[in-house]
Amino acid sequence: GEEISRRLGISRTAIWKAVDALRR
């Protein structure tokens, strides 16, 4: 999650929401 946050410039919360949306 840290690497995703660093490379995309988004928060860990935004990552979690994105992953949840992808699963849906």
mmCIF file of all heavy atoms, coordinates in Angstrom:
data_MODEL
# 
_entry.id   MODEL 
# 
loop_
_atom_site.group_PDB 
_atom_site.id 
_atom_site.type_symbol 
_atom_site.label_atom_id 
_atom_site.label_alt_id 
_atom_site.label_comp_id 
_atom_site.label_asym_id 
_atom_site.label_entity_id 
_atom_site.label_seq_id 
_atom_site.pdbx_PDB_ins_code 
_atom_site.Cartn_x 
_atom_site.Cartn_y 
_atom_site.Cartn_z 
_atom_site.occupancy 
_atom_site.B_iso_or_equiv 
_atom_site.pdbx_formal_charge 
_atom_site.auth_seq_id 
_atom_site.auth_comp_id 
_atom_site.auth_asym_id 
_atom_site.auth_atom_id 
_atom_site.pdbx_PDB_model_num 
ATOM 1   N N   . GLY A 1 1  ? 0.820   -1.199 0.000   1.00 0.00 ? 1  GLY A N   1 
ATOM 2   C CA  . GLY A 1 1  ? 0.000   0.000  0.000   1.00 0.00 ? 1  GLY A CA  1 
ATOM 3   C C   . GLY A 1 1  ? 0.855   1.250  0.000   1.00 0.00 ? 1  GLY A C   1 
ATOM 4   O O   . GLY A 1 1  ? 0.520   2.257  -0.627  1.00 0.00 ? 1  GLY A O   1 
ATOM 5   N N   . GLU A 1 2  ? 2.000   1.183  0.713   1.00 0.00 ? 2  GLU A N   1 
ATOM 6   C CA  . GLU A 1 2  ? 2.914   2.333  0.753   1.00 0.00 ? 2  GLU A CA  1 
ATOM 7   C C   . GLU A 1 2  ? 3.453   2.642  -0.635  1.00 0.00 ? 2  GLU A C   1 
ATOM 8   O O   . GLU A 1 2  ? 3.544   3.811  -1.039  1.00 0.00 ? 2  GLU A O   1 
ATOM 9   C CB  . GLU A 1 2  ? 4.062   2.028  1.711   1.00 0.00 ? 2  GLU A CB  1 
ATOM 10  C CG  . GLU A 1 2  ? 5.039   3.183  1.855   1.00 0.00 ? 2  GLU A CG  1 
ATOM 11  C CD  . GLU A 1 2  ? 6.181   2.843  2.809   1.00 0.00 ? 2  GLU A CD  1 
ATOM 12  O OE1 . GLU A 1 2  ? 6.189   1.715  3.346   1.00 0.00 ? 2  GLU A OE1 1 
ATOM 13  O OE2 . GLU A 1 2  ? 7.042   3.716  3.003   1.00 0.00 ? 2  GLU A OE2 1 
ATOM 14  N N   . GLU A 1 3  ? 3.801   1.600  -1.396  1.00 0.00 ? 3  GLU A N   1 
ATOM 15  C CA  . GLU A 1 3  ? 4.340   1.806  -2.732  1.00 0.00 ? 3  GLU A CA  1 
ATOM 16  C C   . GLU A 1 3  ? 3.269   2.350  -3.677  1.00 0.00 ? 3  GLU A C   1 
ATOM 17  O O   . GLU A 1 3  ? 3.541   3.241  -4.489  1.00 0.00 ? 3  GLU A O   1 
ATOM 18  C CB  . GLU A 1 3  ? 4.888   0.482  -3.279  1.00 0.00 ? 3  GLU A CB  1 
ATOM 19  C CG  . GLU A 1 3  ? 5.454   0.545  -4.677  1.00 0.00 ? 3  GLU A CG  1 
ATOM 20  C CD  . GLU A 1 3  ? 6.723   1.394  -4.782  1.00 0.00 ? 3  GLU A CD  1 
ATOM 21  O OE1 . GLU A 1 3  ? 7.269   1.803  -3.740  1.00 0.00 ? 3  GLU A OE1 1 
ATOM 22  O OE2 . GLU A 1 3  ? 7.161   1.645  -5.924  1.00 0.00 ? 3  GLU A OE2 1 
ATOM 23  N N   . ILE A 1 4  ? 2.058   1.829  -3.556  1.00 0.00 ? 4  ILE A N   1 
ATOM 24  C CA  . ILE A 1 4  ? 0.961   2.346  -4.386  1.00 0.00 ? 4  ILE A CA  1 
ATOM 25  C C   . ILE A 1 4  ? 0.721   3.820  -4.076  1.00 0.00 ? 4  ILE A C   1 
ATOM 26  O O   . ILE A 1 4  ? 0.559   4.649  -4.979  1.00 0.00 ? 4  ILE A O   1 
ATOM 27  C CB  . ILE A 1 4  ? -0.331  1.524  -4.145  1.00 0.00 ? 4  ILE A CB  1 
ATOM 28  C CG1 . ILE A 1 4  ? -0.145  0.073  -4.589  1.00 0.00 ? 4  ILE A CG1 1 
ATOM 29  C CG2 . ILE A 1 4  ? -1.510  2.157  -4.888  1.00 0.00 ? 4  ILE A CG2 1 
ATOM 30  C CD1 . ILE A 1 4  ? -1.316  -0.829 -4.231  1.00 0.00 ? 4  ILE A CD1 1 
ATOM 31  N N   . SER A 1 5  ? 0.715   4.131  -2.780  1.00 0.00 ? 5  SER A N   1 
ATOM 32  C CA  . SER A 1 5  ? 0.488   5.513  -2.362  1.00 0.00 ? 5  SER A CA  1 
ATOM 33  C C   . SER A 1 5  ? 1.567   6.435  -2.914  1.00 0.00 ? 5  SER A C   1 
ATOM 34  O O   . SER A 1 5  ? 1.271   7.526  -3.418  1.00 0.00 ? 5  SER A O   1 
ATOM 35  C CB  . SER A 1 5  ? 0.460   5.585  -0.839  1.00 0.00 ? 5  SER A CB  1 
ATOM 36  O OG  . SER A 1 5  ? 0.281   6.920  -0.401  1.00 0.00 ? 5  SER A OG  1 
ATOM 37  N N   . ARG A 1 6  ? 2.808   5.970  -2.843  1.00 0.00 ? 6  ARG A N   1 
ATOM 38  C CA  . ARG A 1 6  ? 3.928   6.792  -3.319  1.00 0.00 ? 6  ARG A CA  1 
ATOM 39  C C   . ARG A 1 6  ? 3.861   6.997  -4.830  1.00 0.00 ? 6  ARG A C   1 
ATOM 40  O O   . ARG A 1 6  ? 4.049   8.110  -5.330  1.00 0.00 ? 6  ARG A O   1 
ATOM 41  C CB  . ARG A 1 6  ? 5.245   6.120  -2.949  1.00 0.00 ? 6  ARG A CB  1 
ATOM 42  C CG  . ARG A 1 6  ? 6.485   6.960  -3.292  1.00 0.00 ? 6  ARG A CG  1 
ATOM 43  C CD  . ARG A 1 6  ? 7.761   6.194  -3.054  1.00 0.00 ? 6  ARG A CD  1 
ATOM 44  N NE  . ARG A 1 6  ? 7.889   5.053  -3.955  1.00 0.00 ? 6  ARG A NE  1 
ATOM 45  C CZ  . ARG A 1 6  ? 8.297   5.150  -5.217  1.00 0.00 ? 6  ARG A CZ  1 
ATOM 46  N NH1 . ARG A 1 6  ? 8.592   6.342  -5.737  1.00 0.00 ? 6  ARG A NH1 1 
ATOM 47  N NH2 . ARG A 1 6  ? 8.392   4.088  -5.970  1.00 0.00 ? 6  ARG A NH2 1 
ATOM 48  N N   . ARG A 1 7  ? 3.579   5.925  -5.573  1.00 0.00 ? 7  ARG A N   1 
ATOM 49  C CA  . ARG A 1 7  ? 3.618   6.004  -7.032  1.00 0.00 ? 7  ARG A CA  1 
ATOM 50  C C   . ARG A 1 7  ? 2.413   6.729  -7.621  1.00 0.00 ? 7  ARG A C   1 
ATOM 51  O O   . ARG A 1 7  ? 2.529   7.377  -8.670  1.00 0.00 ? 7  ARG A O   1 
ATOM 52  C CB  . ARG A 1 7  ? 3.737   4.597  -7.630  1.00 0.00 ? 7  ARG A CB  1 
ATOM 53  C CG  . ARG A 1 7  ? 5.104   3.974  -7.341  1.00 0.00 ? 7  ARG A CG  1 
ATOM 54  C CD  . ARG A 1 7  ? 5.183   2.513  -7.735  1.00 0.00 ? 7  ARG A CD  1 
ATOM 55  N NE  . ARG A 1 7  ? 4.984   2.298  -9.159  1.00 0.00 ? 7  ARG A NE  1 
ATOM 56  C CZ  . ARG A 1 7  ? 5.093   1.114  -9.750  1.00 0.00 ? 7  ARG A CZ  1 
ATOM 57  N NH1 . ARG A 1 7  ? 5.392   0.037  -9.017  1.00 0.00 ? 7  ARG A NH1 1 
ATOM 58  N NH2 . ARG A 1 7  ? 4.913   0.989  -11.052 1.00 0.00 ? 7  ARG A NH2 1 
ATOM 59  N N   . LEU A 1 8  ? 1.271   6.632  -6.959  1.00 0.00 ? 8  LEU A N   1 
ATOM 60  C CA  . LEU A 1 8  ? 0.071   7.264  -7.507  1.00 0.00 ? 8  LEU A CA  1 
ATOM 61  C C   . LEU A 1 8  ? -0.277  8.579  -6.830  1.00 0.00 ? 8  LEU A C   1 
ATOM 62  O O   . LEU A 1 8  ? -1.133  9.321  -7.312  1.00 0.00 ? 8  LEU A O   1 
ATOM 63  C CB  . LEU A 1 8  ? -1.120  6.308  -7.400  1.00 0.00 ? 8  LEU A CB  1 
ATOM 64  C CG  . LEU A 1 8  ? -0.999  4.975  -8.158  1.00 0.00 ? 8  LEU A CG  1 
ATOM 65  C CD1 . LEU A 1 8  ? -2.285  4.168  -8.006  1.00 0.00 ? 8  LEU A CD1 1 
ATOM 66  C CD2 . LEU A 1 8  ? -0.705  5.209  -9.637  1.00 0.00 ? 8  LEU A CD2 1 
ATOM 67  N N   . GLY A 1 9  ? 0.351   8.853  -5.698  1.00 0.00 ? 9  GLY A N   1 
ATOM 68  C CA  . GLY A 1 9  ? 0.069   10.101 -5.000  1.00 0.00 ? 9  GLY A CA  1 
ATOM 69  C C   . GLY A 1 9  ? -1.312  10.139 -4.389  1.00 0.00 ? 9  GLY A C   1 
ATOM 70  O O   . GLY A 1 9  ? -1.968  11.192 -4.376  1.00 0.00 ? 9  GLY A O   1 
ATOM 71  N N   . ILE A 1 10 ? -1.781  9.007  -3.885  1.00 0.00 ? 10 ILE A N   1 
ATOM 72  C CA  . ILE A 1 10 ? -3.095  8.946  -3.258  1.00 0.00 ? 10 ILE A CA  1 
ATOM 73  C C   . ILE A 1 10 ? -2.947  8.359  -1.855  1.00 0.00 ? 10 ILE A C   1 
ATOM 74  O O   . ILE A 1 10 ? -1.950  7.707  -1.533  1.00 0.00 ? 10 ILE A O   1 
ATOM 75  C CB  . ILE A 1 10 ? -4.094  8.098  -4.073  1.00 0.00 ? 10 ILE A CB  1 
ATOM 76  C CG1 . ILE A 1 10 ? -3.587  6.663  -4.253  1.00 0.00 ? 10 ILE A CG1 1 
ATOM 77  C CG2 . ILE A 1 10 ? -4.355  8.746  -5.430  1.00 0.00 ? 10 ILE A CG2 1 
ATOM 78  C CD1 . ILE A 1 10 ? -4.566  5.758  -4.994  1.00 0.00 ? 10 ILE A CD1 1 
ATOM 79  N N   . SER A 1 11 ? -3.964  8.569  -1.034  1.00 0.00 ? 11 SER A N   1 
ATOM 80  C CA  . SER A 1 11 ? -3.900  8.119  0.355   1.00 0.00 ? 11 SER A CA  1 
ATOM 81  C C   . SER A 1 11 ? -4.182  6.625  0.467   1.00 0.00 ? 11 SER A C   1 
ATOM 82  O O   . SER A 1 11 ? -4.726  6.002  -0.451  1.00 0.00 ? 11 SER A O   1 
ATOM 83  C CB  . SER A 1 11 ? -4.926  8.892  1.198   1.00 0.00 ? 11 SER A CB  1 
ATOM 84  O OG  . SER A 1 11 ? -6.246  8.502  0.827   1.00 0.00 ? 11 SER A OG  1 
ATOM 85  N N   . ARG A 1 12 ? -3.835  6.042  1.630   1.00 0.00 ? 12 ARG A N   1 
ATOM 86  C CA  . ARG A 1 12 ? -4.119  4.630  1.864   1.00 0.00 ? 12 ARG A CA  1 
ATOM 87  C C   . ARG A 1 12 ? -5.632  4.376  1.886   1.00 0.00 ? 12 ARG A C   1 
ATOM 88  O O   . ARG A 1 12 ? -6.101  3.314  1.460   1.00 0.00 ? 12 ARG A O   1 
ATOM 89  C CB  . ARG A 1 12 ? -3.485  4.188  3.186   1.00 0.00 ? 12 ARG A CB  1 
ATOM 90  C CG  . ARG A 1 12 ? -1.971  4.411  3.255   1.00 0.00 ? 12 ARG A CG  1 
ATOM 91  C CD  . ARG A 1 12 ? -1.237  3.455  2.339   1.00 0.00 ? 12 ARG A CD  1 
ATOM 92  N NE  . ARG A 1 12 ? -1.189  2.119  2.909   1.00 0.00 ? 12 ARG A NE  1 
ATOM 93  C CZ  . ARG A 1 12 ? -0.212  1.688  3.714   1.00 0.00 ? 12 ARG A CZ  1 
ATOM 94  N NH1 . ARG A 1 12 ? 0.787   2.495  4.045   1.00 0.00 ? 12 ARG A NH1 1 
ATOM 95  N NH2 . ARG A 1 12 ? -0.202  0.456  4.176   1.00 0.00 ? 12 ARG A NH2 1 
ATOM 96  N N   . THR A 1 13 ? -6.384  5.366  2.358   1.00 0.00 ? 13 THR A N   1 
ATOM 97  C CA  . THR A 1 13 ? -7.841  5.234  2.352   1.00 0.00 ? 13 THR A CA  1 
ATOM 98  C C   . THR A 1 13 ? -8.370  5.179  0.921   1.00 0.00 ? 13 THR A C   1 
ATOM 99  O O   . THR A 1 13 ? -9.258  4.377  0.595   1.00 0.00 ? 13 THR A O   1 
ATOM 100 C CB  . THR A 1 13 ? -8.497  6.413  3.100   1.00 0.00 ? 13 THR A CB  1 
ATOM 101 O OG1 . THR A 1 13 ? -8.045  6.423  4.450   1.00 0.00 ? 13 THR A OG1 1 
ATOM 102 C CG2 . THR A 1 13 ? -10.017 6.307  3.061   1.00 0.00 ? 13 THR A CG2 1 
ATOM 103 N N   . ALA A 1 14 ? -7.817  6.018  0.052   1.00 0.00 ? 14 ALA A N   1 
ATOM 104 C CA  . ALA A 1 14 ? -8.233  6.022  -1.352  1.00 0.00 ? 14 ALA A CA  1 
ATOM 105 C C   . ALA A 1 14 ? -7.893  4.692  -2.018  1.00 0.00 ? 14 ALA A C   1 
ATOM 106 O O   . ALA A 1 14 ? -8.646  4.193  -2.856  1.00 0.00 ? 14 ALA A O   1 
ATOM 107 C CB  . ALA A 1 14 ? -7.567  7.173  -2.095  1.00 0.00 ? 14 ALA A CB  1 
ATOM 108 N N   . ILE A 1 15 ? -6.759  4.104  -1.625  1.00 0.00 ? 15 ILE A N   1 
ATOM 109 C CA  . ILE A 1 15 ? -6.372  2.795  -2.173  1.00 0.00 ? 15 ILE A CA  1 
ATOM 110 C C   . ILE A 1 15 ? -7.383  1.742  -1.749  1.00 0.00 ? 15 ILE A C   1 
ATOM 111 O O   . ILE A 1 15 ? -7.845  0.933  -2.560  1.00 0.00 ? 15 ILE A O   1 
ATOM 112 C CB  . ILE A 1 15 ? -4.965  2.405  -1.694  1.00 0.00 ? 15 ILE A CB  1 
ATOM 113 C CG1 . ILE A 1 15 ? -3.926  3.386  -2.244  1.00 0.00 ? 15 ILE A CG1 1 
ATOM 114 C CG2 . ILE A 1 15 ? -4.627  0.973  -2.107  1.00 0.00 ? 15 ILE A CG2 1 
ATOM 115 C CD1 . ILE A 1 15 ? -2.556  3.227  -1.626  1.00 0.00 ? 15 ILE A CD1 1 
ATOM 116 N N   . TRP A 1 16 ? -7.729  1.746  -0.486  1.00 0.00 ? 16 TRP A N   1 
ATOM 117 C CA  . TRP A 1 16 ? -8.698  0.764  0.018   1.00 0.00 ? 16 TRP A CA  1 
ATOM 118 C C   . TRP A 1 16 ? -10.029 0.904  -0.695  1.00 0.00 ? 16 TRP A C   1 
ATOM 119 O O   . TRP A 1 16 ? -10.642 -0.102 -1.085  1.00 0.00 ? 16 TRP A O   1 
ATOM 120 C CB  . TRP A 1 16 ? -8.880  0.953  1.523   1.00 0.00 ? 16 TRP A CB  1 
ATOM 121 C CG  . TRP A 1 16 ? -9.843  -0.045 2.099   1.00 0.00 ? 16 TRP A CG  1 
ATOM 122 C CD1 . TRP A 1 16 ? -9.569  -1.306 2.545   1.00 0.00 ? 16 TRP A CD1 1 
ATOM 123 C CD2 . TRP A 1 16 ? -11.251 0.141  2.253   1.00 0.00 ? 16 TRP A CD2 1 
ATOM 124 N NE1 . TRP A 1 16 ? -10.720 -1.927 2.973   1.00 0.00 ? 16 TRP A NE1 1 
ATOM 125 C CE2 . TRP A 1 16 ? -11.776 -1.058 2.801   1.00 0.00 ? 16 TRP A CE2 1 
ATOM 126 C CE3 . TRP A 1 16 ? -12.128 1.196  1.998   1.00 0.00 ? 16 TRP A CE3 1 
ATOM 127 C CZ2 . TRP A 1 16 ? -13.115 -1.231 3.086   1.00 0.00 ? 16 TRP A CZ2 1 
ATOM 128 C CZ3 . TRP A 1 16 ? -13.479 1.032  2.276   1.00 0.00 ? 16 TRP A CZ3 1 
ATOM 129 C CH2 . TRP A 1 16 ? -13.959 -0.173 2.821   1.00 0.00 ? 16 TRP A CH2 1 
ATOM 130 N N   . LYS A 1 17 ? -10.491 2.133  -0.893  1.00 0.00 ? 17 LYS A N   1 
ATOM 131 C CA  . LYS A 1 17 ? -11.759 2.358  -1.595  1.00 0.00 ? 17 LYS A CA  1 
ATOM 132 C C   . LYS A 1 17 ? -11.674 1.891  -3.046  1.00 0.00 ? 17 LYS A C   1 
ATOM 133 O O   . LYS A 1 17 ? -12.633 1.321  -3.596  1.00 0.00 ? 17 LYS A O   1 
ATOM 134 C CB  . LYS A 1 17 ? -12.138 3.835  -1.540  1.00 0.00 ? 17 LYS A CB  1 
ATOM 135 C CG  . LYS A 1 17 ? -12.578 4.302  -0.159  1.00 0.00 ? 17 LYS A CG  1 
ATOM 136 C CD  . LYS A 1 17 ? -12.973 5.771  -0.174  1.00 0.00 ? 17 LYS A CD  1 
ATOM 137 C CE  . LYS A 1 17 ? -13.447 6.235  1.213   1.00 0.00 ? 17 LYS A CE  1 
ATOM 138 N NZ  . LYS A 1 17 ? -13.821 7.670  1.209   1.00 0.00 ? 17 LYS A NZ  1 
ATOM 139 N N   . ALA A 1 18 ? -10.517 2.133  -3.684  1.00 0.00 ? 18 ALA A N   1 
ATOM 140 C CA  . ALA A 1 18 ? -10.334 1.704  -5.074  1.00 0.00 ? 18 ALA A CA  1 
ATOM 141 C C   . ALA A 1 18 ? -10.370 0.185  -5.178  1.00 0.00 ? 18 ALA A C   1 
ATOM 142 O O   . ALA A 1 18 ? -11.000 -0.380 -6.079  1.00 0.00 ? 18 ALA A O   1 
ATOM 143 C CB  . ALA A 1 18 ? -9.021  2.245  -5.633  1.00 0.00 ? 18 ALA A CB  1 
ATOM 144 N N   . VAL A 1 19 ? -9.691  -0.500 -4.256  1.00 0.00 ? 19 VAL A N   1 
ATOM 145 C CA  . VAL A 1 19 ? -9.676  -1.963 -4.258  1.00 0.00 ? 19 VAL A CA  1 
ATOM 146 C C   . VAL A 1 19 ? -11.075 -2.509 -4.012  1.00 0.00 ? 19 VAL A C   1 
ATOM 147 O O   . VAL A 1 19 ? -11.510 -3.477 -4.660  1.00 0.00 ? 19 VAL A O   1 
ATOM 148 C CB  . VAL A 1 19 ? -8.681  -2.490 -3.201  1.00 0.00 ? 19 VAL A CB  1 
ATOM 149 C CG1 . VAL A 1 19 ? -8.866  -3.996 -3.003  1.00 0.00 ? 19 VAL A CG1 1 
ATOM 150 C CG2 . VAL A 1 19 ? -7.249  -2.179 -3.621  1.00 0.00 ? 19 VAL A CG2 1 
ATOM 151 N N   . ASP A 1 20 ? -11.800 -1.886 -3.097  1.00 0.00 ? 20 ASP A N   1 
ATOM 152 C CA  . ASP A 1 20 ? -13.170 -2.320 -2.815  1.00 0.00 ? 20 ASP A CA  1 
ATOM 153 C C   . ASP A 1 20 ? -14.049 -2.158 -4.045  1.00 0.00 ? 20 ASP A C   1 
ATOM 154 O O   . ASP A 1 20 ? -14.872 -3.037 -4.365  1.00 0.00 ? 20 ASP A O   1 
ATOM 155 C CB  . ASP A 1 20 ? -13.729 -1.502 -1.655  1.00 0.00 ? 20 ASP A CB  1 
ATOM 156 C CG  . ASP A 1 20 ? -15.125 -1.950 -1.245  1.00 0.00 ? 20 ASP A CG  1 
ATOM 157 O OD1 . ASP A 1 20 ? -15.280 -3.125 -0.860  1.00 0.00 ? 20 ASP A OD1 1 
ATOM 158 O OD2 . ASP A 1 20 ? -16.061 -1.127 -1.333  1.00 0.00 ? 20 ASP A OD2 1 
ATOM 159 N N   . ALA A 1 21 ? -13.883 -1.053 -4.764  1.00 0.00 ? 21 ALA A N   1 
ATOM 160 C CA  . ALA A 1 21 ? -14.672 -0.822 -5.978  1.00 0.00 ? 21 ALA A CA  1 
ATOM 161 C C   . ALA A 1 21 ? -14.333 -1.854 -7.050  1.00 0.00 ? 21 ALA A C   1 
ATOM 162 O O   . ALA A 1 21 ? -15.217 -2.356 -7.745  1.00 0.00 ? 21 ALA A O   1 
ATOM 163 C CB  . ALA A 1 21 ? -14.429 0.593  -6.503  1.00 0.00 ? 21 ALA A CB  1 
ATOM 164 N N   . LEU A 1 22 ? -13.042 -2.175 -7.183  1.00 0.00 ? 22 LEU A N   1 
ATOM 165 C CA  . LEU A 1 22 ? -12.631 -3.185 -8.166  1.00 0.00 ? 22 LEU A CA  1 
ATOM 166 C C   . LEU A 1 22 ? -13.234 -4.549 -7.841  1.00 0.00 ? 22 LEU A C   1 
ATOM 167 O O   . LEU A 1 22 ? -13.682 -5.274 -8.734  1.00 0.00 ? 22 LEU A O   1 
ATOM 168 C CB  . LEU A 1 22 ? -11.104 -3.277 -8.220  1.00 0.00 ? 22 LEU A CB  1 
ATOM 169 C CG  . LEU A 1 22 ? -10.377 -2.071 -8.826  1.00 0.00 ? 22 LEU A CG  1 
ATOM 170 C CD1 . LEU A 1 22 ? -8.879  -2.198 -8.624  1.00 0.00 ? 22 LEU A CD1 1 
ATOM 171 C CD2 . LEU A 1 22 ? -10.715 -1.936 -10.306 1.00 0.00 ? 22 LEU A CD2 1 
ATOM 172 N N   . ARG A 1 23 ? -13.247 -4.893 -6.580  1.00 0.00 ? 23 ARG A N   1 
ATOM 173 C CA  . ARG A 1 23 ? -13.842 -6.178 -6.185  1.00 0.00 ? 23 ARG A CA  1 
ATOM 174 C C   . ARG A 1 23 ? -15.321 -6.219 -6.521  1.00 0.00 ? 23 ARG A C   1 
ATOM 175 O O   . ARG A 1 23 ? -15.835 -7.256 -6.964  1.00 0.00 ? 23 ARG A O   1 
ATOM 176 C CB  . ARG A 1 23 ? -13.620 -6.397 -4.682  1.00 0.00 ? 23 ARG A CB  1 
ATOM 177 C CG  . ARG A 1 23 ? -12.178 -6.776 -4.331  1.00 0.00 ? 23 ARG A CG  1 
ATOM 178 C CD  . ARG A 1 23 ? -11.971 -6.756 -2.838  1.00 0.00 ? 23 ARG A CD  1 
ATOM 179 N NE  . ARG A 1 23 ? -10.648 -7.282 -2.468  1.00 0.00 ? 23 ARG A NE  1 
ATOM 180 C CZ  . ARG A 1 23 ? -10.060 -7.058 -1.298  1.00 0.00 ? 23 ARG A CZ  1 
ATOM 181 N NH1 . ARG A 1 23 ? -10.679 -6.317 -0.379  1.00 0.00 ? 23 ARG A NH1 1 
ATOM 182 N NH2 . ARG A 1 23 ? -8.875  -7.572 -1.039  1.00 0.00 ? 23 ARG A NH2 1 
ATOM 183 N N   . ARG A 1 24 ? -16.009 -5.107 -6.325  1.00 0.00 ? 24 ARG A N   1 
ATOM 184 C CA  . ARG A 1 24 ? -17.435 -5.075 -6.643  1.00 0.00 ? 24 ARG A CA  1 
ATOM 185 C C   . ARG A 1 24 ? -17.676 -5.176 -8.149  1.00 0.00 ? 24 ARG A C   1 
ATOM 186 O O   . ARG A 1 24 ? -18.760 -5.579 -8.580  1.00 0.00 ? 24 ARG A O   1 
ATOM 187 C CB  . ARG A 1 24 ? -18.074 -3.798 -6.076  1.00 0.00 ? 24 ARG A CB  1 
ATOM 188 C CG  . ARG A 1 24 ? -18.303 -3.879 -4.568  1.00 0.00 ? 24 ARG A CG  1 
ATOM 189 C CD  . ARG A 1 24 ? -19.074 -2.695 -4.023  1.00 0.00 ? 24 ARG A CD  1 
ATOM 190 N NE  . ARG A 1 24 ? -18.202 -1.564 -3.699  1.00 0.00 ? 24 ARG A NE  1 
ATOM 191 C CZ  . ARG A 1 24 ? -18.145 -0.441 -4.383  1.00 0.00 ? 24 ARG A CZ  1 
ATOM 192 N NH1 . ARG A 1 24 ? -18.912 -0.273 -5.436  1.00 0.00 ? 24 ARG A NH1 1 
ATOM 193 N NH2 . ARG A 1 24 ? -17.325 0.536  -4.025  1.00 0.00 ? 24 ARG A NH2 1 
# 
